[in-house]
Amino acid sequence: MTEPTYDLIIRGGRVATTTDVFEADVAISGETIAAVGRGLAAAKREIDARGKLVLPGGVDSHAHIEQLSAAGIMNADTFESATVSAAFGGTTTVIPFAAQHVGMKLPQVVEDYHALAKKGAVIDYAFHMIIADATRETVEEHIPALVKQGHASIKIFMTYDRLKVDDEPLLDILLAARQSGAMLCAHAENHGIIAWMVKRLLARGYTLPKYHAVSHARVSEAEAFTRLIGMAALIDQPIMIFHVSTAEGAKVIRDARGQGLKVFAETCPQYLFLTAGDLDKPGADGAKWMCSPPPRTHSDQEALWQALALGDLQTISSDHAPYRFDETGKLRAGPNPNFKQVANGLPGLEMRLPLLFDAMVSKGRLGLEKFIELTATAPAKIYNLHPRKGSIAVGADADIAIWDPNREVTIADEMMHDLAGYTPFAGRKLKGWPVTVLSRGRVIIDGNKCLADAGSGQFLARSGGEAAKPTGRLVADMDPERNFGAKLL
């Protein structure tokens, strides 16, 4: 009797990539995809995928997991609970943060987050390093050393009282990223505008959660984008702008990319499916929908969809930031906090892909190939995890989500597998759902069962890759041929 050729075959499904949708079997040997084709030889195990879609596992490139906020609030999830919830939603790779706060040594921060992830994560992961204390040691020693160890992206905040990096140290960090070959990611809002608005709102008694949406004035986003892009162009450093929320912000990015600058950008489901009106609830209830930047308007949603269609925005992440609606999280300051006292963030790892599948595939907005591009392939490429992650191709990791395109689900709080205790999308009816999920050839989700062991996820060391490479086109101020010979880079 002939020995089985493969360990596992996913038989008879419709396989999809960013360019094609076709009927094929997918064969897996060990942890990788060994063959894609019709009539493949026998395997030790087969999964019947007839009537199903066989898609790359999602890559969520922006999530806060087991992270302490600058205000001292620990978010609700452990690495185990967050990654289990990600897996149930069809996501097989996640890039959370190793978050430095003022006074912390960056190597110790990274080591601490490594230990947490190694203990709990059930899917594969990398890290972005948050820099909040741009000391000379951090910038000149720690960033280069940690990038060499495989942490090839840096995040900075341009707002938040205890996190913001001002313009001059931001230039130092941009230069350190350039010299190290890392991507620079940013939460870009104008801190002064927001702080000024917050003070005026609170002084006049406008304290409810809905006024959080007012405090983050629209101009604060576009202004910060423009300033960040200008500084990045000065240094010739590629950047990723996180969670774009406004039409004006999307236009700033479109204009910069039109000038040939290496500006990448993402948005999130909360900006595509929620509005500021969702914060307008009785008492403190609107706090469940508070995130920064806040959801905006229906017209902004349309502008963001257009930006995704045009390629101005390249990825859709969750920005998963779970805080419970109790004294451990959103209500830490009491049952009736003012909006400034509420922890910002929404749970979203599990619902990112089902929400987007319903909108993009079931309802036909942008289509299946674009769904895969925005949620798996593009983030894998930008963060230099491709071709190992983000595609169904021979030699890639067997990270696969099998979707039932006809399954209808009404979202409910009690369905969620994270520890936030609620989802801001409860009550929505969706069509299309991941029913079987594989991580490196292991079936980790089978219907309503998680079969993965805590700590079975692997760290993905990576360099900055193509996206993080400077353009080589220097502005006049930094070009020795045009600035009287001054060598500044």
Protein backbone atom coordinates (compact mmCIF):
# COMPACT_ATOMS: atom_id res chain seq x y z
CA MET A 1 0.00 0.00 0.00
CA THR A 2 1.35 3.41 -0.99
CA GLU A 3 2.28 5.72 1.86
CA PRO A 4 0.36 9.02 1.96
CA THR A 5 2.28 11.77 0.21
CA TYR A 6 1.17 14.64 2.42
CA ASP A 7 0.26 15.17 6.06
CA LEU A 8 -2.96 17.03 5.29
CA ILE A 9 -5.02 18.02 2.28
CA ILE A 10 -7.77 20.62 2.20
CA ARG A 11 -9.87 19.13 -0.56
CA GLY A 12 -12.33 20.70 -2.99
CA GLY A 13 -12.52 24.29 -1.82
CA ARG A 14 -12.27 27.56 -3.70
CA VAL A 15 -8.81 28.96 -3.07
CA ALA A 16 -8.32 32.72 -3.21
CA THR A 17 -5.32 35.03 -3.45
CA THR A 18 -5.00 38.74 -4.15
CA THR A 19 -5.27 38.05 -7.89
CA ASP A 20 -7.21 34.81 -8.43
CA VAL A 21 -10.05 32.65 -7.16
CA PHE A 22 -9.99 29.02 -8.30
CA GLU A 23 -11.02 25.52 -7.31
CA ALA A 24 -8.09 23.52 -5.96
CA ASP A 25 -6.80 21.25 -3.26
CA VAL A 26 -4.17 22.55 -0.85
CA ALA A 27 -1.65 19.99 0.42
CA ILE A 28 0.40 20.47 3.57
CA SER A 29 3.58 18.76 4.66
CA GLY A 30 4.76 19.57 8.14
CA GLU A 31 4.19 23.29 8.70
CA THR A 32 4.18 24.48 5.10
CA ILE A 33 2.09 24.35 1.95
CA ALA A 34 3.51 21.63 -0.28
CA ALA A 35 1.21 21.79 -3.31
CA VAL A 36 -1.79 23.61 -4.74
CA GLY A 37 -3.67 21.88 -7.53
CA ARG A 38 -6.40 19.48 -8.55
CA GLY A 39 -6.44 15.76 -7.88
CA LEU A 40 -3.52 15.83 -5.48
CA ALA A 41 -2.29 12.54 -4.02
CA ALA A 42 -3.56 11.15 -0.74
CA ALA A 43 -2.72 12.54 2.67
CA LYS A 44 -2.77 11.20 6.20
CA ARG A 45 -5.75 13.44 6.87
CA GLU A 46 -8.19 15.32 4.67
CA ILE A 47 -10.51 18.26 5.30
CA ASP A 48 -13.55 18.48 3.05
CA ALA A 49 -13.80 22.11 1.93
CA ARG A 50 -16.45 21.70 -0.76
CA GLY A 51 -18.67 24.77 -0.77
CA LYS A 52 -16.11 26.67 1.31
CA LEU A 53 -13.50 29.34 0.63
CA VAL A 54 -9.87 28.53 1.43
CA LEU A 55 -8.12 31.80 2.31
CA PRO A 56 -4.81 32.91 3.81
CA GLY A 57 -4.98 33.36 7.56
CA GLY A 58 -5.35 37.01 8.48
CA VAL A 59 -2.41 39.19 9.52
CA ASP A 60 -3.42 41.77 12.12
CA SER A 61 -0.59 44.26 12.24
CA HIS A 62 -1.84 46.51 15.06
CA ALA A 63 -3.05 45.12 18.39
CA HIS A 64 -2.46 45.93 22.06
CA ILE A 65 -2.12 42.71 24.05
CA GLU A 66 -1.40 42.33 27.78
CA GLN A 67 -0.20 45.94 27.61
CA LEU A 68 0.02 48.40 30.47
CA SER A 69 -1.22 51.86 29.54
CA ALA A 70 0.67 55.01 30.45
CA ALA A 71 -2.05 55.65 33.04
CA GLY A 72 -1.27 52.34 34.69
CA ILE A 73 -4.29 50.38 33.41
CA MET A 74 -3.66 46.83 32.20
CA ASN A 75 -5.82 45.91 29.26
CA ALA A 76 -8.18 42.99 29.65
CA ASP A 77 -6.44 40.34 27.55
CA THR A 78 -3.59 37.97 28.11
CA PHE A 79 -1.61 36.77 25.11
CA GLU A 80 -3.53 33.54 25.32
CA SER A 81 -7.02 35.06 25.38
CA ALA A 82 -6.21 37.64 22.70
CA THR A 83 -4.66 35.17 20.29
CA VAL A 84 -7.39 32.59 20.86
CA SER A 85 -9.93 35.27 19.95
CA ALA A 86 -7.84 36.22 16.90
CA ALA A 87 -7.79 32.59 15.78
CA PHE A 88 -11.57 32.24 16.12
CA GLY A 89 -11.84 35.26 13.82
CA GLY A 90 -9.57 33.77 11.15
CA THR A 91 -6.38 35.65 12.08
CA THR A 92 -3.19 33.57 12.29
CA THR A 93 -0.50 36.24 12.72
CA VAL A 94 -0.53 39.28 14.98
CA ILE A 95 1.86 42.17 15.60
CA PRO A 96 1.24 43.66 19.05
CA PHE A 97 3.44 46.11 20.96
CA ALA A 98 6.32 46.02 23.39
CA ALA A 99 5.42 49.29 25.10
CA GLN A 100 8.09 51.44 26.68
CA HIS A 101 7.02 54.11 29.16
CA VAL A 102 9.13 56.96 30.49
CA GLY A 103 11.93 55.63 32.66
CA MET A 104 11.86 52.11 31.21
CA LYS A 105 14.84 50.48 29.49
CA LEU A 106 13.75 49.29 26.05
CA PRO A 107 15.63 45.93 26.07
CA GLN A 108 13.94 44.97 29.36
CA VAL A 109 10.55 46.01 27.95
CA VAL A 110 11.03 43.77 24.91
CA GLU A 111 12.23 40.88 27.08
CA ASP A 112 9.17 41.19 29.33
CA TYR A 113 6.72 41.10 26.41
CA HIS A 114 8.61 38.18 24.87
CA ALA A 115 8.09 36.22 28.07
CA LEU A 116 4.36 36.95 28.11
CA ALA A 117 3.89 35.97 24.47
CA LYS A 118 6.01 32.83 24.75
CA LYS A 119 3.84 31.69 27.64
CA GLY A 120 0.46 32.39 26.10
CA ALA A 121 0.30 33.04 22.34
CA VAL A 122 -1.44 30.37 20.23
CA ILE A 123 -0.67 32.03 16.88
CA ASP A 124 2.56 33.48 15.49
CA TYR A 125 3.58 37.00 16.38
CA ALA A 126 6.10 39.79 15.97
CA PHE A 127 6.43 43.07 17.89
CA HIS A 128 6.38 46.78 17.23
CA MET A 129 8.50 48.67 19.79
CA ILE A 130 6.74 51.68 21.31
CA ILE A 131 9.22 54.47 22.10
CA ALA A 132 8.03 56.92 24.74
CA ASP A 133 11.41 57.83 26.27
CA ALA A 134 13.75 58.90 23.49
CA THR A 135 16.94 59.06 25.53
CA ARG A 136 20.28 58.94 23.76
CA GLU A 137 20.75 55.38 25.02
CA THR A 138 17.37 54.34 23.62
CA VAL A 139 17.90 55.97 20.25
CA GLU A 140 21.58 55.31 19.62
CA GLU A 141 22.09 51.93 21.32
CA HIS A 142 18.88 50.08 22.04
CA ILE A 143 16.95 50.66 18.82
CA PRO A 144 19.78 49.46 16.51
CA ALA A 145 20.48 46.41 18.68
CA LEU A 146 16.83 45.36 18.92
CA VAL A 147 16.21 45.85 15.20
CA LYS A 148 19.11 43.43 14.58
CA GLN A 149 17.32 40.96 16.87
CA GLY A 150 14.27 41.01 14.59
CA HIS A 151 12.14 43.85 15.93
CA ALA A 152 12.05 45.88 12.76
CA SER A 153 9.25 48.38 13.44
CA ILE A 154 8.97 51.27 15.86
CA LYS A 155 5.86 53.09 17.00
CA ILE A 156 5.62 56.62 18.35
CA PHE A 157 2.71 58.69 19.62
CA MET A 158 2.34 62.37 18.75
CA THR A 159 -0.34 62.77 21.44
CA TYR A 160 -1.25 61.48 24.96
CA ASP A 161 0.24 63.29 27.93
CA ARG A 162 2.59 60.50 29.05
CA LEU A 163 3.47 59.06 25.65
CA LYS A 164 3.87 61.88 23.15
CA VAL A 165 7.15 62.39 21.37
CA ASP A 166 7.80 65.99 20.38
CA ASP A 167 9.17 67.04 17.01
CA GLU A 168 12.90 67.13 17.80
CA PRO A 169 13.12 63.67 19.43
CA LEU A 170 10.84 62.37 16.69
CA LEU A 171 13.46 63.39 14.15
CA ASP A 172 16.06 61.49 16.19
CA ILE A 173 13.84 58.38 16.12
CA LEU A 174 13.19 58.75 12.39
CA LEU A 175 16.94 58.87 11.82
CA ALA A 176 17.53 55.85 14.06
CA ALA A 177 14.90 53.94 12.08
CA ARG A 178 16.54 54.91 8.80
CA GLN A 179 19.99 53.87 9.96
CA SER A 180 18.67 50.58 11.38
CA GLY A 181 16.44 49.67 8.45
CA ALA A 182 13.21 49.75 10.48
CA MET A 183 9.70 50.98 9.68
CA LEU A 184 8.44 53.96 11.70
CA CYS A 185 4.75 53.70 12.67
CA ALA A 186 2.82 56.57 14.21
CA HIS A 187 -0.31 57.54 16.06
CA ALA A 188 -0.48 61.01 14.55
CA GLU A 189 -2.78 63.61 16.09
CA ASN A 190 -2.01 67.17 17.16
CA HIS A 191 -1.63 67.00 20.95
CA GLY A 192 -2.04 70.73 21.53
CA ILE A 193 -5.35 70.93 19.69
CA ILE A 194 -6.76 67.94 21.58
CA ALA A 195 -5.57 69.18 24.98
CA TRP A 196 -7.04 72.64 24.30
CA MET A 197 -10.38 71.16 23.26
CA VAL A 198 -10.50 68.83 26.28
CA LYS A 199 -9.96 71.67 28.73
CA ARG A 200 -12.66 73.85 27.18
CA LEU A 201 -15.19 71.02 27.02
CA LEU A 202 -14.67 69.91 30.62
CA ALA A 203 -14.68 73.49 31.94
CA ARG A 204 -18.11 73.98 30.38
CA GLY A 205 -19.54 70.76 31.79
CA TYR A 206 -19.42 68.66 28.62
CA THR A 207 -18.21 65.50 30.30
CA LEU A 208 -20.11 62.57 28.74
CA PRO A 209 -18.28 60.06 26.52
CA LYS A 210 -19.78 61.55 23.35
CA TYR A 211 -17.70 64.69 23.88
CA HIS A 212 -14.55 62.60 23.46
CA ALA A 213 -15.42 62.60 19.76
CA VAL A 214 -15.62 66.39 19.79
CA SER A 215 -12.31 66.81 21.65
CA HIS A 216 -10.35 65.09 18.87
CA ALA A 217 -11.06 67.84 16.37
CA ARG A 218 -10.78 66.69 12.76
CA VAL A 219 -7.99 69.14 12.02
CA SER A 220 -5.80 67.47 14.64
CA GLU A 221 -5.44 64.43 12.39
CA ALA A 222 -4.66 66.09 9.07
CA GLU A 223 -2.26 68.56 10.70
CA ALA A 224 -0.28 65.84 12.44
CA PHE A 225 -0.16 63.73 9.26
CA THR A 226 1.23 66.69 7.34
CA ARG A 227 3.85 67.43 9.99
CA LEU A 228 4.93 63.80 10.31
CA ILE A 229 5.16 63.34 6.56
CA GLY A 230 7.27 66.47 6.27
CA MET A 231 9.70 65.23 8.91
CA ALA A 232 9.85 61.78 7.33
CA ALA A 233 10.60 63.35 3.94
CA LEU A 234 13.40 65.40 5.51
CA ILE A 235 15.02 62.21 6.82
CA ASP A 236 13.97 60.07 3.82
CA GLN A 237 12.41 57.50 6.15
CA PRO A 238 9.40 55.38 5.19
CA ILE A 239 6.46 55.61 7.60
CA MET A 240 3.21 53.84 8.41
CA ILE A 241 0.36 56.03 9.66
CA PHE A 242 -1.99 54.14 11.94
CA HIS A 243 -5.80 54.24 12.14
CA VAL A 244 -6.74 56.92 9.60
CA SER A 245 -10.22 58.19 10.52
CA THR A 246 -11.05 61.26 8.41
CA ALA A 247 -11.48 62.19 4.77
CA GLU A 248 -8.99 65.01 5.27
CA GLY A 249 -6.41 62.61 6.67
CA ALA A 250 -6.85 60.26 3.74
CA LYS A 251 -6.33 63.16 1.34
CA VAL A 252 -3.06 64.16 3.00
CA ILE A 253 -1.80 60.60 2.51
CA ARG A 254 -3.02 60.47 -1.10
CA ASP A 255 -1.17 63.70 -1.89
CA ALA A 256 2.05 62.49 -0.23
CA ARG A 257 2.01 59.18 -2.08
CA GLY A 258 1.33 61.08 -5.28
CA GLN A 259 4.62 62.91 -4.70
CA GLY A 260 6.46 59.59 -4.54
CA LEU A 261 6.96 59.53 -0.77
CA LYS A 262 7.01 56.15 0.98
CA VAL A 263 3.97 56.72 3.15
CA PHE A 264 1.89 53.69 4.10
CA ALA A 265 -1.37 53.91 6.02
CA GLU A 266 -4.11 51.80 7.54
CA THR A 267 -7.61 52.17 8.86
CA CYS A 268 -9.68 49.95 11.19
CA PRO A 269 -13.22 48.51 11.32
CA GLN A 270 -14.31 51.09 13.89
CA TYR A 271 -13.77 53.83 11.30
CA LEU A 272 -15.54 51.89 8.55
CA PHE A 273 -18.56 50.70 10.56
CA LEU A 274 -19.02 53.07 13.55
CA THR A 275 -19.64 56.80 13.83
CA ALA A 276 -19.38 59.40 16.58
CA GLY A 277 -23.09 58.85 17.13
CA ASP A 278 -22.32 55.46 18.67
CA LEU A 279 -20.83 57.30 21.66
CA ASP A 280 -24.10 59.14 22.30
CA LYS A 281 -25.49 56.82 24.96
CA PRO A 282 -27.03 57.43 28.41
CA GLY A 283 -24.64 57.97 31.31
CA ALA A 284 -21.26 56.32 30.90
CA ASP A 285 -22.44 53.68 28.42
CA GLY A 286 -20.87 55.51 25.48
CA ALA A 287 -17.46 54.75 26.99
CA LYS A 288 -17.67 51.31 25.38
CA TRP A 289 -17.26 52.99 21.99
CA MET A 290 -14.41 55.33 22.98
CA CYS A 291 -11.17 54.98 21.06
CA SER A 292 -8.60 57.41 19.70
CA PRO A 293 -9.00 58.80 17.18
CA PRO A 294 -12.76 58.51 17.61
CA PRO A 295 -15.18 57.19 14.99
CA ARG A 296 -16.28 60.03 12.70
CA THR A 297 -19.16 60.35 10.20
CA HIS A 298 -20.78 58.32 7.42
CA SER A 299 -19.11 60.57 4.85
CA ASP A 300 -15.72 59.76 6.39
CA GLN A 301 -16.55 56.08 6.09
CA GLU A 302 -17.19 56.54 2.38
CA ALA A 303 -13.94 58.47 1.96
CA LEU A 304 -12.00 55.69 3.70
CA TRP A 305 -13.58 53.00 1.52
CA GLN A 306 -12.59 55.04 -1.51
CA ALA A 307 -9.04 55.40 -0.18
CA LEU A 308 -8.86 51.63 0.26
CA ALA A 309 -10.10 51.10 -3.28
CA LEU A 310 -7.54 53.52 -4.69
CA GLY A 311 -4.64 52.07 -2.70
CA ASP A 312 -4.05 55.18 -0.58
CA LEU A 313 -4.65 52.99 2.48
CA GLN A 314 -3.00 49.58 2.21
CA THR A 315 -4.16 47.63 5.26
CA ILE A 316 -7.02 47.26 7.75
CA SER A 317 -5.96 46.34 11.28
CA SER A 318 -8.04 45.93 14.43
CA ASP A 319 -6.19 48.26 16.82
CA HIS A 320 -7.44 45.78 19.43
CA ALA A 321 -7.26 47.59 22.79
CA PRO A 322 -9.62 45.81 25.21
CA TYR A 323 -10.70 47.42 28.48
CA ARG A 324 -13.54 45.96 30.50
CA PHE A 325 -16.56 48.13 31.23
CA ASP A 326 -15.90 48.02 34.96
CA GLU A 327 -13.55 49.35 37.63
CA THR A 328 -10.58 47.48 36.12
CA GLY A 329 -10.91 49.31 32.81
CA LYS A 330 -13.27 51.91 31.40
CA LEU A 331 -14.76 52.80 34.81
CA ARG A 332 -11.54 52.92 36.80
CA ALA A 333 -12.32 56.50 37.87
CA GLY A 334 -15.82 55.54 39.06
CA PRO A 335 -19.25 54.81 37.57
CA ASN A 336 -19.61 58.30 36.05
CA PRO A 337 -16.19 59.36 34.78
CA ASN A 338 -15.65 62.33 32.55
CA PHE A 339 -14.48 61.37 29.07
CA LYS A 340 -10.87 62.32 29.84
CA GLN A 341 -10.79 59.67 32.60
CA VAL A 342 -11.90 56.78 30.37
CA ALA A 343 -9.36 54.32 28.96
CA ASN A 344 -9.35 54.59 25.17
CA GLY A 345 -9.70 51.47 23.10
CA LEU A 346 -12.03 48.81 21.71
CA PRO A 347 -11.77 45.03 21.42
CA GLY A 348 -11.55 43.97 17.78
CA LEU A 349 -9.14 41.11 17.03
CA GLU A 350 -11.90 38.54 16.65
CA MET A 351 -14.40 40.61 14.66
CA ARG A 352 -12.02 42.35 12.21
CA LEU A 353 -12.24 39.71 9.48
CA PRO A 354 -15.92 38.71 9.82
CA LEU A 355 -17.01 42.36 9.63
CA LEU A 356 -14.86 42.98 6.59
CA PHE A 357 -15.81 39.71 4.87
CA ASP A 358 -19.49 40.60 5.22
CA ALA A 359 -18.95 44.08 3.77
CA MET A 360 -16.37 43.29 1.11
CA VAL A 361 -17.31 39.79 -0.03
CA SER A 362 -20.90 39.03 0.96
CA LYS A 363 -22.13 42.53 0.13
CA GLY A 364 -19.69 42.91 -2.77
CA ARG A 365 -17.75 45.99 -1.70
CA LEU A 366 -14.24 45.73 -3.23
CA GLY A 367 -14.44 41.92 -3.50
CA LEU A 368 -12.68 38.81 -2.21
CA GLU A 369 -9.25 39.48 -3.71
CA LYS A 370 -9.11 42.95 -2.14
CA PHE A 371 -10.30 41.50 1.18
CA ILE A 372 -7.29 39.17 1.17
CA GLU A 373 -4.92 41.92 0.12
CA LEU A 374 -5.97 44.38 2.84
CA THR A 375 -6.21 41.89 5.70
CA ALA A 376 -3.42 39.40 5.01
CA THR A 377 -1.08 39.85 2.05
CA ALA A 378 -0.38 43.59 2.22
CA PRO A 379 0.37 43.71 5.96
CA ALA A 380 2.62 40.65 5.56
CA LYS A 381 4.52 42.40 2.78
CA ILE A 382 4.78 45.80 4.49
CA TYR A 383 6.13 44.26 7.70
CA ASN A 384 8.40 41.81 5.85
CA LEU A 385 6.61 38.61 6.83
CA HIS A 386 5.82 37.65 3.22
CA PRO A 387 6.06 35.16 1.51
CA ARG A 388 6.06 33.09 4.71
CA LYS A 389 2.81 34.75 5.84
CA GLY A 390 -0.16 36.28 4.05
CA SER A 391 -0.50 34.02 0.99
CA ILE A 392 -1.54 30.55 -0.11
CA ALA A 393 1.52 29.49 -2.08
CA VAL A 394 3.91 26.57 -2.15
CA GLY A 395 6.54 27.04 0.54
CA ALA A 396 4.46 29.45 2.63
CA ASP A 397 3.46 28.60 6.17
CA ALA A 398 0.21 26.65 6.18
CA ASP A 399 -1.73 29.46 7.86
CA ILE A 400 -5.18 28.98 6.38
CA ALA A 401 -8.75 29.97 7.24
CA ILE A 402 -11.60 27.98 5.73
CA TRP A 403 -14.68 30.17 5.44
CA ASP A 404 -18.31 29.19 5.08
CA PRO A 405 -19.52 32.04 2.83
CA ASN A 406 -23.18 31.24 3.53
CA ARG A 407 -23.13 31.04 7.30
CA GLU A 408 -25.15 33.84 8.89
CA VAL A 409 -24.25 35.07 12.37
CA THR A 410 -25.65 37.76 14.63
CA ILE A 411 -22.83 39.17 16.74
CA ALA A 412 -23.35 38.96 20.51
CA ASP A 413 -21.17 39.85 23.48
CA GLU A 414 -21.23 36.29 24.81
CA MET A 415 -19.75 34.95 21.56
CA MET A 416 -16.44 36.73 22.04
CA HIS A 417 -13.33 34.89 23.21
CA ASP A 418 -11.34 37.91 24.41
CA LEU A 419 -11.72 39.14 27.98
CA ALA A 420 -13.21 42.59 27.34
CA GLY A 421 -16.71 41.33 28.12
CA TYR A 422 -18.36 43.08 25.18
CA THR A 423 -18.00 43.90 21.51
CA PRO A 424 -18.88 47.33 20.06
CA PHE A 425 -20.41 45.51 17.08
CA ALA A 426 -23.02 43.48 19.00
CA GLY A 427 -26.34 43.06 17.18
CA ARG A 428 -24.93 43.24 13.68
CA LYS A 429 -25.91 40.45 11.29
CA LEU A 430 -23.08 39.09 9.15
CA LYS A 431 -22.85 36.60 6.33
CA GLY A 432 -19.66 34.55 6.07
CA TRP A 433 -17.68 33.00 8.91
CA PRO A 434 -14.36 31.18 9.44
CA VAL A 435 -15.16 27.59 10.49
CA THR A 436 -11.72 25.93 10.43
CA VAL A 437 -8.40 27.68 11.02
CA LEU A 438 -4.88 26.30 10.63
CA SER A 439 -1.62 27.72 11.95
CA ARG A 440 1.51 26.21 10.41
CA GLY A 441 -0.44 23.12 9.44
CA ARG A 442 -2.06 22.59 12.84
CA VAL A 443 -5.83 22.82 13.04
CA ILE A 444 -6.25 25.33 15.84
CA ILE A 445 -9.95 26.17 15.38
CA ASP A 446 -12.50 23.51 14.51
CA GLY A 447 -16.00 24.98 14.62
CA ASN A 448 -16.52 26.24 18.15
CA LYS A 449 -13.45 24.47 19.58
CA CYS A 450 -9.95 25.84 20.07
CA LEU A 451 -7.41 23.03 19.75
CA ALA A 452 -4.24 25.10 20.21
CA ASP A 453 -2.05 24.98 23.29
CA ALA A 454 -1.00 28.15 25.10
CA GLY A 455 2.49 29.12 23.99
CA SER A 456 2.36 27.22 20.69
CA GLY A 457 2.69 30.43 18.67
CA GLN A 458 6.16 31.35 17.41
CA PHE A 459 8.03 34.64 17.40
CA LEU A 460 8.68 35.96 13.90
CA ALA A 461 12.03 37.73 13.78
CA ARG A 462 12.21 40.01 10.76
CA SER A 463 14.18 42.81 9.15
CA GLY A 464 12.54 45.94 7.81
CA GLY A 465 12.46 44.65 4.25
CA GLU A 466 11.63 46.52 1.08
CA ALA A 467 8.92 48.76 2.54
CA ALA A 468 11.32 50.20 5.12
CA LYS A 469 14.06 51.08 2.63
CA PRO A 470 14.59 54.83 2.03
CA THR A 471 13.83 56.14 -1.45
CA GLY A 472 17.33 57.57 -1.87
CA ARG A 473 15.83 60.87 -2.99
CA LEU A 474 17.05 63.53 -0.57
CA VAL A 475 15.41 66.90 -0.10
CA ALA A 476 17.70 69.83 -0.84
CA ASP A 477 18.37 70.59 2.82
CA MET A 478 19.83 67.10 3.36
CA ASP A 479 21.61 66.66 0.03
CA PRO A 480 25.33 67.55 0.20
CA GLU A 481 25.28 68.47 -3.49
CA ARG A 482 22.70 71.16 -2.77
CA ASN A 483 23.34 72.22 0.85
CA PHE A 484 26.95 73.44 0.57
CA GLY A 485 28.37 69.98 1.34
CA ALA A 486 26.74 69.41 4.76
CA LYS A 487 26.46 65.68 5.49
CA LEU A 488 23.51 65.29 7.86
CA LEU A 489 22.43 61.69 7.25
